[in-house]
Amino acid sequence: MKIDLTDEEWTTVLVALDGYGARKRIEWLDSRDDDDLTDAGSAEWCWHKIQGALESERNSIADAVGEGEINNITSASIDPFGLPTWTD
């Protein structure tokens, strides 16, 4: 399944997961209920899964943008004294 959200919407989801996980850990301090730790761990797992997918997508987009570009200029072919100056 693919969900199309903007970067701001994904950020909101990640912040919500982070807050939920933190709240469950705090609740666990009072309750000592293992379900709270399970919920916190699930929120963290989701956070990492989404963050990893976003990074992977951003990297593939960055790779695609650079795809096909050919750089024929090498440092040996640039003459720094041949560059135009303000007096030229």
PDB file of N, CA and C in Angstrom:
ATOM      1  N   MET A   1       0.839  -1.160   0.000  1.00  0.00           N
ATOM      2  CA  MET A   1       0.000   0.000   0.000  1.00  0.00           C
ATOM      3  C   MET A   1       0.895   1.238   0.000  1.00  0.00           C
ATOM      4  N   LYS A   2       0.516   2.219  -0.786  1.00  0.00           N
ATOM      5  CA  LYS A   2       1.274   3.458  -0.840  1.00  0.00           C
ATOM      6  C   LYS A   2       0.359   4.598  -0.432  1.00  0.00           C
ATOM      7  N   ILE A   3       0.819   5.407   0.484  1.00  0.00           N
ATOM      8  CA  ILE A   3       0.059   6.559   0.948  1.00  0.00           C
ATOM      9  C   ILE A   3       0.827   7.807   0.530  1.00  0.00           C
ATOM     10  N   ASP A   4       0.171   8.667  -0.224  1.00  0.00           N
ATOM     11  CA  ASP A   4       0.806   9.902  -0.669  1.00  0.00           C
ATOM     12  C   ASP A   4       0.457  11.032   0.285  1.00  0.00           C
ATOM     13  N   LEU A   5       1.454  11.492   1.012  1.00  0.00           N
ATOM     14  CA  LEU A   5       1.310  12.631   1.908  1.00  0.00           C
ATOM     15  C   LEU A   5       2.429  13.617   1.611  1.00  0.00           C
ATOM     16  N   THR A   6       2.214  14.858   1.967  1.00  0.00           N
ATOM     17  CA  THR A   6       3.269  15.860   1.803  1.00  0.00           C
ATOM     18  C   THR A   6       4.318  15.646   2.890  1.00  0.00           C
ATOM     19  N   ASP A   7       5.469  16.286   2.743  1.00  0.00           N
ATOM     20  CA  ASP A   7       6.513  16.178   3.765  1.00  0.00           C
ATOM     21  C   ASP A   7       6.008  16.668   5.123  1.00  0.00           C
ATOM     22  N   GLU A   8       5.209  17.732   5.104  1.00  0.00           N
ATOM     23  CA  GLU A   8       4.671  18.267   6.354  1.00  0.00           C
ATOM     24  C   GLU A   8       3.713  17.269   7.019  1.00  0.00           C
ATOM     25  N   GLU A   9       2.912  16.583   6.208  1.00  0.00           N
ATOM     26  CA  GLU A   9       1.999  15.586   6.751  1.00  0.00           C
ATOM     27  C   GLU A   9       2.757  14.395   7.325  1.00  0.00           C
ATOM     28  N   TRP A  10       3.813  13.950   6.647  1.00  0.00           N
ATOM     29  CA  TRP A  10       4.632  12.854   7.182  1.00  0.00           C
ATOM     30  C   TRP A  10       5.301  13.283   8.471  1.00  0.00           C
ATOM     31  N   THR A  11       5.756  14.532   8.531  1.00  0.00           N
ATOM     32  CA  THR A  11       6.374  15.032   9.753  1.00  0.00           C
ATOM     33  C   THR A  11       5.371  15.000  10.897  1.00  0.00           C
ATOM     34  N   THR A  12       4.123  15.378  10.610  1.00  0.00           N
ATOM     35  CA  THR A  12       3.072  15.337  11.635  1.00  0.00           C
ATOM     36  C   THR A  12       2.852  13.918  12.134  1.00  0.00           C
ATOM     37  N   VAL A  13       2.842  12.950  11.236  1.00  0.00           N
ATOM     38  CA  VAL A  13       2.670  11.546  11.619  1.00  0.00           C
ATOM     39  C   VAL A  13       3.838  11.104  12.509  1.00  0.00           C
ATOM     40  N   LEU A  14       5.053  11.454  12.121  1.00  0.00           N
ATOM     41  CA  LEU A  14       6.221  11.043  12.913  1.00  0.00           C
ATOM     42  C   LEU A  14       6.218  11.685  14.296  1.00  0.00           C
ATOM     43  N   VAL A  15       5.847  12.954  14.368  1.00  0.00           N
ATOM     44  CA  VAL A  15       5.782  13.638  15.667  1.00  0.00           C
ATOM     45  C   VAL A  15       4.704  13.000  16.542  1.00  0.00           C
ATOM     46  N   ALA A  16       3.558  12.662  15.940  1.00  0.00           N
ATOM     47  CA  ALA A  16       2.484  12.028  16.701  1.00  0.00           C
ATOM     48  C   ALA A  16       2.923  10.660  17.236  1.00  0.00           C
ATOM     49  N   LEU A  17       3.603   9.880  16.408  1.00  0.00           N
ATOM     50  CA  LEU A  17       4.092   8.571  16.866  1.00  0.00           C
ATOM     51  C   LEU A  17       5.105   8.727  17.992  1.00  0.00           C
ATOM     52  N   ASP A  18       5.982   9.707  17.860  1.00  0.00           N
ATOM     53  CA  ASP A  18       6.985   9.953  18.887  1.00  0.00           C
ATOM     54  C   ASP A  18       6.314  10.347  20.206  1.00  0.00           C
ATOM     55  N   GLY A  19       5.339  11.239  20.115  1.00  0.00           N
ATOM     56  CA  GLY A  19       4.620  11.672  21.321  1.00  0.00           C
ATOM     57  C   GLY A  19       3.839  10.540  21.958  1.00  0.00           C
ATOM     58  N   TYR A  20       3.198   9.723  21.136  1.00  0.00           N
ATOM     59  CA  TYR A  20       2.433   8.589  21.649  1.00  0.00           C
ATOM     60  C   TYR A  20       3.348   7.607  22.373  1.00  0.00           C
ATOM     61  N   GLY A  21       4.478   7.295  21.758  1.00  0.00           N
ATOM     62  CA  GLY A  21       5.423   6.368  22.382  1.00  0.00           C
ATOM     63  C   GLY A  21       5.949   6.900  23.701  1.00  0.00           C
ATOM     64  N   ALA A  22       6.271   8.196  23.723  1.00  0.00           N
ATOM     65  CA  ALA A  22       6.774   8.807  24.960  1.00  0.00           C
ATOM     66  C   ALA A  22       5.697   8.781  26.050  1.00  0.00           C
ATOM     67  N   ARG A  23       4.456   9.091  25.672  1.00  0.00           N
ATOM     68  CA  ARG A  23       3.360   9.084  26.650  1.00  0.00           C
ATOM     69  C   ARG A  23       3.141   7.687  27.224  1.00  0.00           C
ATOM     70  N   LYS A  24       3.230   6.663  26.369  1.00  0.00           N
ATOM     71  CA  LYS A  24       3.048   5.292  26.845  1.00  0.00           C
ATOM     72  C   LYS A  24       4.161   4.885  27.805  1.00  0.00           C
ATOM     73  N   ARG A  25       5.381   5.358  27.558  1.00  0.00           N
ATOM     74  CA  ARG A  25       6.476   5.045  28.485  1.00  0.00           C
ATOM     75  C   ARG A  25       6.245   5.723  29.842  1.00  0.00           C
ATOM     76  N   ILE A  26       5.733   6.950  29.806  1.00  0.00           N
ATOM     77  CA  ILE A  26       5.433   7.659  31.055  1.00  0.00           C
ATOM     78  C   ILE A  26       4.299   6.954  31.794  1.00  0.00           C
ATOM     79  N   GLU A  27       3.271   6.519  31.056  1.00  0.00           N
ATOM     80  CA  GLU A  27       2.170   5.786  31.682  1.00  0.00           C
ATOM     81  C   GLU A  27       2.672   4.493  32.313  1.00  0.00           C
ATOM     82  N   TRP A  28       3.642   3.864  31.673  1.00  0.00           N
ATOM     83  CA  TRP A  28       4.193   2.616  32.208  1.00  0.00           C
ATOM     84  C   TRP A  28       4.857   2.842  33.563  1.00  0.00           C
ATOM     85  N   LEU A  29       5.476   4.026  33.744  1.00  0.00           N
ATOM     86  CA  LEU A  29       6.119   4.332  35.024  1.00  0.00           C
ATOM     87  C   LEU A  29       5.123   4.270  36.181  1.00  0.00           C
ATOM     88  N   ASP A  30       3.880   4.665  35.902  1.00  0.00           N
ATOM     89  CA  ASP A  30       2.855   4.615  36.957  1.00  0.00           C
ATOM     90  C   ASP A  30       2.177   3.252  37.033  1.00  0.00           C
ATOM     91  N   SER A  31       1.883   2.673  35.886  1.00  0.00           N
ATOM     92  CA  SER A  31       1.065   1.450  35.866  1.00  0.00           C
ATOM     93  C   SER A  31       1.880   0.164  35.934  1.00  0.00           C
ATOM     94  N   ARG A  32       3.094   0.195  35.421  1.00  0.00           N
ATOM     95  CA  ARG A  32       3.921  -1.009  35.281  1.00  0.00           C
ATOM     96  C   ARG A  32       3.207  -2.080  34.457  1.00  0.00           C
ATOM     97  N   ASP A  33       2.301  -1.624  33.602  1.00  0.00           N
ATOM     98  CA  ASP A  33       1.547  -2.517  32.718  1.00  0.00           C
ATOM     99  C   ASP A  33       2.372  -2.729  31.453  1.00  0.00           C
ATOM    100  N   ASP A  34       2.714  -3.990  31.190  1.00  0.00           N
ATOM    101  CA  ASP A  34       3.557  -4.295  30.031  1.00  0.00           C
ATOM    102  C   ASP A  34       2.912  -3.910  28.705  1.00  0.00           C
ATOM    103  N   ASP A  35       1.594  -3.796  28.677  1.00  0.00           N
ATOM    104  CA  ASP A  35       0.924  -3.357  27.452  1.00  0.00           C
ATOM    105  C   ASP A  35       1.351  -1.948  27.061  1.00  0.00           C
ATOM    106  N   ASP A  36       1.633  -1.103  28.065  1.00  0.00           N
ATOM    107  CA  ASP A  36       2.100   0.256  27.767  1.00  0.00           C
ATOM    108  C   ASP A  36       3.459   0.223  27.064  1.00  0.00           C
ATOM    109  N   LEU A  37       4.341  -0.668  27.534  1.00  0.00           N
ATOM    110  CA  LEU A  37       5.650  -0.798  26.879  1.00  0.00           C
ATOM    111  C   LEU A  37       5.515  -1.388  25.486  1.00  0.00           C
ATOM    112  N   THR A  38       4.587  -2.313  25.330  1.00  0.00           N
ATOM    113  CA  THR A  38       4.344  -2.895  24.007  1.00  0.00           C
ATOM    114  C   THR A  38       3.850  -1.829  23.038  1.00  0.00           C
ATOM    115  N   ASP A  39       2.925  -0.996  23.501  1.00  0.00           N
ATOM    116  CA  ASP A  39       2.417   0.091  22.662  1.00  0.00           C
ATOM    117  C   ASP A  39       3.525   1.089  22.321  1.00  0.00           C
ATOM    118  N   ALA A  40       4.364   1.407  23.297  1.00  0.00           N
ATOM    119  CA  ALA A  40       5.476   2.330  23.049  1.00  0.00           C
ATOM    120  C   ALA A  40       6.436   1.741  22.020  1.00  0.00           C
ATOM    121  N   GLY A  41       6.732   0.462  22.151  1.00  0.00           N
ATOM    122  CA  GLY A  41       7.619  -0.206  21.200  1.00  0.00           C
ATOM    123  C   GLY A  41       7.028  -0.255  19.801  1.00  0.00           C
ATOM    124  N   SER A  42       5.726  -0.468  19.720  1.00  0.00           N
ATOM    125  CA  SER A  42       5.058  -0.489  18.419  1.00  0.00           C
ATOM    126  C   SER A  42       5.119   0.887  17.756  1.00  0.00           C
ATOM    127  N   ALA A  43       4.913   1.923  18.546  1.00  0.00           N
ATOM    128  CA  ALA A  43       4.993   3.288  18.006  1.00  0.00           C
ATOM    129  C   ALA A  43       6.403   3.577  17.499  1.00  0.00           C
ATOM    130  N   GLU A  44       7.406   3.148  18.248  1.00  0.00           N
ATOM    131  CA  GLU A  44       8.794   3.352  17.823  1.00  0.00           C
ATOM    132  C   GLU A  44       9.110   2.558  16.558  1.00  0.00           C
ATOM    133  N   TRP A  45       8.595   1.337  16.485  1.00  0.00           N
ATOM    134  CA  TRP A  45       8.810   0.521  15.290  1.00  0.00           C
ATOM    135  C   TRP A  45       8.193   1.212  14.075  1.00  0.00           C
ATOM    136  N   CYS A  46       6.964   1.693  14.213  1.00  0.00           N
ATOM    137  CA  CYS A  46       6.301   2.406  13.109  1.00  0.00           C
ATOM    138  C   CYS A  46       7.094   3.639  12.717  1.00  0.00           C
ATOM    139  N   TRP A  47       7.572   4.387  13.719  1.00  0.00           N
ATOM    140  CA  TRP A  47       8.347   5.602  13.448  1.00  0.00           C
ATOM    141  C   TRP A  47       9.571   5.262  12.603  1.00  0.00           C
ATOM    142  N   HIS A  48      10.311   4.241  13.005  1.00  0.00           N
ATOM    143  CA  HIS A  48      11.515   3.851  12.268  1.00  0.00           C
ATOM    144  C   HIS A  48      11.182   3.336  10.870  1.00  0.00           C
ATOM    145  N   LYS A  49      10.109   2.592  10.751  1.00  0.00           N
ATOM    146  CA  LYS A  49       9.690   2.060   9.448  1.00  0.00           C
ATOM    147  C   LYS A  49       9.358   3.205   8.485  1.00  0.00           C
ATOM    148  N   ILE A  50       8.590   4.183   8.952  1.00  0.00           N
ATOM    149  CA  ILE A  50       8.211   5.323   8.111  1.00  0.00           C
ATOM    150  C   ILE A  50       9.434   6.171   7.794  1.00  0.00           C
ATOM    151  N   GLN A  51      10.252   6.449   8.791  1.00  0.00           N
ATOM    152  CA  GLN A  51      11.455   7.269   8.570  1.00  0.00           C
ATOM    153  C   GLN A  51      12.376   6.608   7.554  1.00  0.00           C
ATOM    154  N   GLY A  52      12.556   5.305   7.655  1.00  0.00           N
ATOM    155  CA  GLY A  52      13.401   4.586   6.700  1.00  0.00           C
ATOM    156  C   GLY A  52      12.842   4.636   5.291  1.00  0.00           C
ATOM    157  N   ALA A  53      11.521   4.487   5.164  1.00  0.00           N
ATOM    158  CA  ALA A  53      10.896   4.546   3.842  1.00  0.00           C
ATOM    159  C   ALA A  53      11.030   5.942   3.236  1.00  0.00           C
ATOM    160  N   LEU A  54      10.861   6.972   4.066  1.00  0.00           N
ATOM    161  CA  LEU A  54      10.993   8.347   3.567  1.00  0.00           C
ATOM    162  C   LEU A  54      12.418   8.631   3.104  1.00  0.00           C
ATOM    163  N   GLU A  55      13.393   8.180   3.887  1.00  0.00           N
ATOM    164  CA  GLU A  55      14.791   8.383   3.496  1.00  0.00           C
ATOM    165  C   GLU A  55      15.111   7.636   2.211  1.00  0.00           C
ATOM    166  N   SER A  56      14.606   6.418   2.088  1.00  0.00           N
ATOM    167  CA  SER A  56      14.844   5.632   0.886  1.00  0.00           C
ATOM    168  C   SER A  56      14.233   6.310  -0.335  1.00  0.00           C
ATOM    169  N   GLU A  57      13.015   6.840  -0.179  1.00  0.00           N
ATOM    170  CA  GLU A  57      12.352   7.514  -1.297  1.00  0.00           C
ATOM    171  C   GLU A  57      13.093   8.788  -1.679  1.00  0.00           C
ATOM    172  N   ARG A  58      13.530   9.541  -0.681  1.00  0.00           N
ATOM    173  CA  ARG A  58      14.268  10.783  -0.962  1.00  0.00           C
ATOM    174  C   ARG A  58      15.587  10.487  -1.664  1.00  0.00           C
ATOM    175  N   ASN A  59      16.258   9.406  -1.239  1.00  0.00           N
ATOM    176  CA  ASN A  59      17.524   9.035  -1.883  1.00  0.00           C
ATOM    177  C   ASN A  59      17.299   8.601  -3.321  1.00  0.00           C
ATOM    178  N   SER A  60      16.220   7.854  -3.581  1.00  0.00           N
ATOM    179  CA  SER A  60      15.966   7.407  -4.946  1.00  0.00           C
ATOM    180  C   SER A  60      15.581   8.582  -5.839  1.00  0.00           C
ATOM    181  N   ILE A  61      14.873   9.560  -5.283  1.00  0.00           N
ATOM    182  CA  ILE A  61      14.542  10.759  -6.056  1.00  0.00           C
ATOM    183  C   ILE A  61      15.810  11.539  -6.368  1.00  0.00           C
ATOM    184  N   ALA A  62      16.688  11.677  -5.384  1.00  0.00           N
ATOM    185  CA  ALA A  62      17.946  12.392  -5.604  1.00  0.00           C
ATOM    186  C   ALA A  62      18.803  11.684  -6.640  1.00  0.00           C
ATOM    187  N   ASP A  63      18.807  10.359  -6.606  1.00  0.00           N
ATOM    188  CA  ASP A  63      19.555   9.594  -7.603  1.00  0.00           C
ATOM    189  C   ASP A  63      18.961   9.783  -8.992  1.00  0.00           C
ATOM    190  N   ALA A  64      17.631   9.804  -9.078  1.00  0.00           N
ATOM    191  CA  ALA A  64      16.970   9.958 -10.378  1.00  0.00           C
ATOM    192  C   ALA A  64      17.215  11.341 -10.964  1.00  0.00           C
ATOM    193  N   VAL A  65      17.271  12.352 -10.107  1.00  0.00           N
ATOM    194  CA  VAL A  65      17.526  13.708 -10.587  1.00  0.00           C
ATOM    195  C   VAL A  65      18.911  13.788 -11.211  1.00  0.00           C
ATOM    196  N   GLY A  66      19.889  13.131 -10.623  1.00  0.00           N
ATOM    197  CA  GLY A  66      21.250  13.153 -11.143  1.00  0.00           C
ATOM    198  C   GLY A  66      21.478  12.168 -12.271  1.00  0.00           C
ATOM    199  N   GLU A  67      20.513  11.293 -12.520  1.00  0.00           N
ATOM    200  CA  GLU A  67      20.667  10.262 -13.540  1.00  0.00           C
ATOM    201  C   GLU A  67      20.746  10.884 -14.929  1.00  0.00           C
ATOM    202  N   GLY A  68      21.672  10.421 -15.707  1.00  0.00           N
ATOM    203  CA  GLY A  68      21.788  10.894 -17.085  1.00  0.00           C
ATOM    204  C   GLY A  68      22.668  12.117 -17.246  1.00  0.00           C
ATOM    205  N   GLU A  69      23.046  12.725 -16.152  1.00  0.00           N
ATOM    206  CA  GLU A  69      23.927  13.883 -16.254  1.00  0.00           C
ATOM    207  C   GLU A  69      25.341  13.403 -16.544  1.00  0.00           C
ATOM    208  N   ILE A  70      25.965  14.047 -17.483  1.00  0.00           N
ATOM    209  CA  ILE A  70      27.330  13.688 -17.835  1.00  0.00           C
ATOM    210  C   ILE A  70      28.198  14.907 -17.588  1.00  0.00           C
ATOM    211  N   ASN A  71      29.233  14.702 -16.841  1.00  0.00           N
ATOM    212  CA  ASN A  71      30.140  15.793 -16.529  1.00  0.00           C
ATOM    213  C   ASN A  71      31.420  15.574 -17.320  1.00  0.00           C
ATOM    214  N   ASN A  72      31.589  16.331 -18.395  1.00  0.00           N
ATOM    215  CA  ASN A  72      32.760  16.192 -19.245  1.00  0.00           C
ATOM    216  C   ASN A  72      33.913  17.079 -18.808  1.00  0.00           C
ATOM    217  N   ILE A  73      33.689  17.912 -17.821  1.00  0.00           N
ATOM    218  CA  ILE A  73      34.731  18.829 -17.381  1.00  0.00           C
ATOM    219  C   ILE A  73      35.573  18.149 -16.315  1.00  0.00           C
ATOM    220  N   THR A  74      36.853  18.145 -16.538  1.00  0.00           N
ATOM    221  CA  THR A  74      37.755  17.604 -15.531  1.00  0.00           C
ATOM    222  C   THR A  74      38.589  18.759 -14.997  1.00  0.00           C
ATOM    223  N   SER A  75      39.176  18.572 -13.851  1.00  0.00           N
ATOM    224  CA  SER A  75      39.965  19.654 -13.259  1.00  0.00           C
ATOM    225  C   SER A  75      41.162  20.005 -14.137  1.00  0.00           C
ATOM    226  N   ALA A  76      41.650  19.057 -14.929  1.00  0.00           N
ATOM    227  CA  ALA A  76      42.791  19.333 -15.799  1.00  0.00           C
ATOM    228  C   ALA A  76      42.402  20.225 -16.973  1.00  0.00           C
ATOM    229  N   SER A  77      41.120  20.273 -17.330  1.00  0.00           N
ATOM    230  CA  SER A  77      40.713  21.066 -18.480  1.00  0.00           C
ATOM    231  C   SER A  77      40.324  22.500 -18.114  1.00  0.00           C
ATOM    232  N   ILE A  78      40.344  22.839 -16.830  1.00  0.00           N
ATOM    233  CA  ILE A  78      39.983  24.188 -16.402  1.00  0.00           C
ATOM    234  C   ILE A  78      41.249  24.995 -16.189  1.00  0.00           C
ATOM    235  N   ASP A  79      41.307  26.133 -16.871  1.00  0.00           N
ATOM    236  CA  ASP A  79      42.427  27.059 -16.697  1.00  0.00           C
ATOM    237  C   ASP A  79      41.930  28.231 -15.865  1.00  0.00           C
ATOM    238  N   PRO A  80      42.319  28.320 -14.597  1.00  0.00           N
ATOM    239  CA  PRO A  80      41.805  29.390 -13.743  1.00  0.00           C
ATOM    240  C   PRO A  80      42.204  30.777 -14.242  1.00  0.00           C
ATOM    241  N   PHE A  81      43.277  30.865 -15.003  1.00  0.00           N
ATOM    242  CA  PHE A  81      43.688  32.167 -15.512  1.00  0.00           C
ATOM    243  C   PHE A  81      42.900  32.556 -16.760  1.00  0.00           C
ATOM    244  N   GLY A  82      42.150  31.607 -17.314  1.00  0.00           N
ATOM    245  CA  GLY A  82      41.359  31.887 -18.495  1.00  0.00           C
ATOM    246  C   GLY A  82      39.930  32.304 -18.155  1.00  0.00           C
ATOM    247  N   LEU A  83      39.575  32.331 -16.862  1.00  0.00           N
ATOM    248  CA  LEU A  83      38.227  32.716 -16.471  1.00  0.00           C
ATOM    249  C   LEU A  83      38.049  34.231 -16.622  1.00  0.00           C
ATOM    250  N   PRO A  84      36.890  34.677 -17.024  1.00  0.00           N
ATOM    251  CA  PRO A  84      36.661  36.111 -17.179  1.00  0.00           C
ATOM    252  C   PRO A  84      36.744  36.833 -15.835  1.00  0.00           C
ATOM    253  N   THR A  85      37.190  38.047 -15.876  1.00  0.00           N
ATOM    254  CA  THR A  85      37.265  38.882 -14.680  1.00  0.00           C
ATOM    255  C   THR A  85      36.381  40.102 -14.894  1.00  0.00           C
ATOM    256  N   TRP A  86      36.271  40.939 -13.872  1.00  0.00           N
ATOM    257  CA  TRP A  86      35.429  42.130 -13.984  1.00  0.00           C
ATOM    258  C   TRP A  86      35.988  43.102 -15.016  1.00  0.00           C
ATOM    259  N   THR A  87      37.264  43.046 -15.316  1.00  0.00           N
ATOM    260  CA  THR A  87      37.854  43.988 -16.273  1.00  0.00           C
ATOM    261  C   THR A  87      37.737  43.509 -17.705  1.00  0.00           C
ATOM    262  N   ASP A  88      37.340  42.243 -17.920  1.00  0.00           N
ATOM    263  CA  ASP A  88      37.228  41.723 -19.289  1.00  0.00           C
ATOM    264  C   ASP A  88      36.005  42.240 -19.986  1.00  0.00           C
TER     265      ASP A  88
END
